[in-house]
Amino acid sequence: MPPVGFEPTISAGDRPQAKSKYTIMNFTHKVVKVVVVVVVVVVVLVVIVAVILVVLVTVVVVVVVIVACGRSPAEIVGSNPTGGMDICLL
């Protein structure tokens, strides 16, 4: 019988199990961090693409209106005495 206060040694077979649980938790934590970073990057890229598309569509609409009216933007703006845009109907 071991003396009082004596801690039995942990066998080599028990140590890897405890370490593997810690390693798995640490690995899972790192994977979650990577997934969160990837999701944030994808969301930011989607927002950037959406803003670029809105700007491009706006430019195309303005160009189409200008070409359809046959007037320059200055002529279109200056043609309305109230100061608003006088856009000819297509």
C-alpha atoms as a PDB file:
ATOM      1  CA  MET A   1       0.000   0.000   0.000  1.00  0.00           C
ATOM      2  CA  PRO A   2       1.439   3.391  -0.932  1.00  0.00           C
ATOM      3  CA  PRO A   3       2.208   5.871   1.836  1.00  0.00           C
ATOM      4  CA  VAL A   4      -0.274   8.656   2.608  1.00  0.00           C
ATOM      5  CA  GLY A   5       0.168  11.714   0.334  1.00  0.00           C
ATOM      6  CA  PHE A   6       1.842   9.666  -2.346  1.00  0.00           C
ATOM      7  CA  GLU A   7       0.531  10.305  -5.852  1.00  0.00           C
ATOM      8  CA  PRO A   8       0.627   7.290  -8.108  1.00  0.00           C
ATOM      9  CA  THR A   9       2.416   7.820 -11.383  1.00  0.00           C
ATOM     10  CA  ILE A  10       0.301   8.141 -14.482  1.00  0.00           C
ATOM     11  CA  SER A  11       1.019   5.410 -16.923  1.00  0.00           C
ATOM     12  CA  ALA A  12       2.249   6.322 -20.394  1.00  0.00           C
ATOM     13  CA  GLY A  13      -0.986   4.981 -21.870  1.00  0.00           C
ATOM     14  CA  ASP A  14      -3.088   7.560 -19.993  1.00  0.00           C
ATOM     15  CA  ARG A  15      -1.070  10.657 -20.977  1.00  0.00           C
ATOM     16  CA  PRO A  16      -1.653  10.602 -24.765  1.00  0.00           C
ATOM     17  CA  GLN A  17      -5.421  10.411 -24.254  1.00  0.00           C
ATOM     18  CA  ALA A  18      -5.475  13.561 -22.124  1.00  0.00           C
ATOM     19  CA  LYS A  19      -3.122  15.294 -24.539  1.00  0.00           C
ATOM     20  CA  SER A  20      -5.145  14.218 -27.552  1.00  0.00           C
ATOM     21  CA  LYS A  21      -8.329  15.695 -26.039  1.00  0.00           C
ATOM     22  CA  TYR A  22      -6.515  18.996 -25.526  1.00  0.00           C
ATOM     23  CA  THR A  23      -5.035  18.830 -29.014  1.00  0.00           C
ATOM     24  CA  ILE A  24      -8.440  18.138 -30.568  1.00  0.00           C
ATOM     25  CA  MET A  25     -10.033  21.049 -28.683  1.00  0.00           C
ATOM     26  CA  ASN A  26      -7.185  23.353 -29.698  1.00  0.00           C
ATOM     27  CA  PHE A  27      -7.403  22.200 -33.327  1.00  0.00           C
ATOM     28  CA  THR A  28     -11.198  22.677 -33.351  1.00  0.00           C
ATOM     29  CA  HIS A  29     -10.775  26.193 -31.974  1.00  0.00           C
ATOM     30  CA  LYS A  30      -8.280  27.022 -34.731  1.00  0.00           C
ATOM     31  CA  VAL A  31     -10.572  25.600 -37.412  1.00  0.00           C
ATOM     32  CA  VAL A  32     -13.487  27.680 -36.125  1.00  0.00           C
ATOM     33  CA  LYS A  33     -11.304  30.800 -36.239  1.00  0.00           C
ATOM     34  CA  VAL A  34     -10.288  30.074 -39.830  1.00  0.00           C
ATOM     35  CA  VAL A  35     -13.900  29.455 -40.868  1.00  0.00           C
ATOM     36  CA  VAL A  36     -15.019  32.744 -39.287  1.00  0.00           C
ATOM     37  CA  VAL A  37     -12.242  34.656 -41.070  1.00  0.00           C
ATOM     38  CA  VAL A  38     -13.141  33.036 -44.403  1.00  0.00           C
ATOM     39  CA  VAL A  39     -16.832  33.872 -43.956  1.00  0.00           C
ATOM     40  CA  VAL A  40     -16.033  37.511 -43.119  1.00  0.00           C
ATOM     41  CA  VAL A  41     -13.751  37.813 -46.158  1.00  0.00           C
ATOM     42  CA  VAL A  42     -16.415  36.318 -48.435  1.00  0.00           C
ATOM     43  CA  VAL A  43     -19.087  38.681 -47.080  1.00  0.00           C
ATOM     44  CA  VAL A  44     -16.808  41.696 -47.596  1.00  0.00           C
ATOM     45  CA  LEU A  45     -16.048  40.598 -51.160  1.00  0.00           C
ATOM     46  CA  VAL A  46     -19.751  40.125 -51.912  1.00  0.00           C
ATOM     47  CA  VAL A  47     -20.507  43.629 -50.619  1.00  0.00           C
ATOM     48  CA  ILE A  48     -17.701  45.099 -52.732  1.00  0.00           C
ATOM     49  CA  VAL A  49     -18.961  43.308 -55.844  1.00  0.00           C
ATOM     50  CA  ALA A  50     -22.519  44.497 -55.148  1.00  0.00           C
ATOM     51  CA  VAL A  51     -21.373  48.115 -54.839  1.00  0.00           C
ATOM     52  CA  ILE A  52     -19.394  47.841 -58.078  1.00  0.00           C
ATOM     53  CA  LEU A  53     -22.432  46.398 -59.864  1.00  0.00           C
ATOM     54  CA  VAL A  54     -24.681  49.198 -58.607  1.00  0.00           C
ATOM     55  CA  VAL A  55     -22.202  51.798 -59.836  1.00  0.00           C
ATOM     56  CA  LEU A  56     -21.885  50.088 -63.221  1.00  0.00           C
ATOM     57  CA  VAL A  57     -25.647  49.824 -63.670  1.00  0.00           C
ATOM     58  CA  THR A  58     -26.035  53.491 -62.747  1.00  0.00           C
ATOM     59  CA  VAL A  59     -23.406  54.504 -65.303  1.00  0.00           C
ATOM     60  CA  VAL A  60     -25.052  52.375 -67.997  1.00  0.00           C
ATOM     61  CA  VAL A  61     -28.474  53.889 -67.297  1.00  0.00           C
ATOM     62  CA  VAL A  62     -27.076  57.425 -67.465  1.00  0.00           C
ATOM     63  CA  VAL A  63     -25.269  56.685 -70.739  1.00  0.00           C
ATOM     64  CA  VAL A  64     -28.407  55.128 -72.238  1.00  0.00           C
ATOM     65  CA  VAL A  65     -30.498  58.165 -71.270  1.00  0.00           C
ATOM     66  CA  ILE A  66     -27.904  60.550 -72.695  1.00  0.00           C
ATOM     67  CA  VAL A  67     -27.650  58.609 -75.961  1.00  0.00           C
ATOM     68  CA  ALA A  68     -31.436  58.260 -76.248  1.00  0.00           C
ATOM     69  CA  CYS A  69     -31.995  61.977 -75.699  1.00  0.00           C
ATOM     70  CA  GLY A  70     -29.189  63.001 -78.020  1.00  0.00           C
ATOM     71  CA  ARG A  71     -28.129  65.745 -75.611  1.00  0.00           C
ATOM     72  CA  SER A  72     -25.201  66.246 -73.268  1.00  0.00           C
ATOM     73  CA  PRO A  73     -25.695  66.008 -69.490  1.00  0.00           C
ATOM     74  CA  ALA A  74     -25.254  69.796 -69.233  1.00  0.00           C
ATOM     75  CA  GLU A  75     -28.032  70.337 -71.759  1.00  0.00           C
ATOM     76  CA  ILE A  76     -30.330  67.944 -69.928  1.00  0.00           C
ATOM     77  CA  VAL A  77     -29.755  69.628 -66.562  1.00  0.00           C
ATOM     78  CA  GLY A  78     -29.923  73.144 -68.007  1.00  0.00           C
ATOM     79  CA  SER A  79     -33.138  72.540 -69.951  1.00  0.00           C
ATOM     80  CA  ASN A  80     -35.418  72.536 -66.912  1.00  0.00           C
ATOM     81  CA  PRO A  81     -35.987  76.013 -65.427  1.00  0.00           C
ATOM     82  CA  THR A  82     -36.753  74.524 -61.989  1.00  0.00           C
ATOM     83  CA  GLY A  83     -33.225  73.146 -61.830  1.00  0.00           C
ATOM     84  CA  GLY A  84     -34.251  69.495 -61.839  1.00  0.00           C
ATOM     85  CA  MET A  85     -33.351  66.902 -64.403  1.00  0.00           C
ATOM     86  CA  ASP A  86     -35.400  66.972 -67.570  1.00  0.00           C
ATOM     87  CA  ILE A  87     -35.014  63.428 -68.801  1.00  0.00           C
ATOM     88  CA  CYS A  88     -36.604  62.680 -72.124  1.00  0.00           C
ATOM     89  CA  LEU A  89     -38.794  59.601 -72.200  1.00  0.00           C
ATOM     90  CA  LEU A  90     -37.477  56.623 -74.111  1.00  0.00           C
END
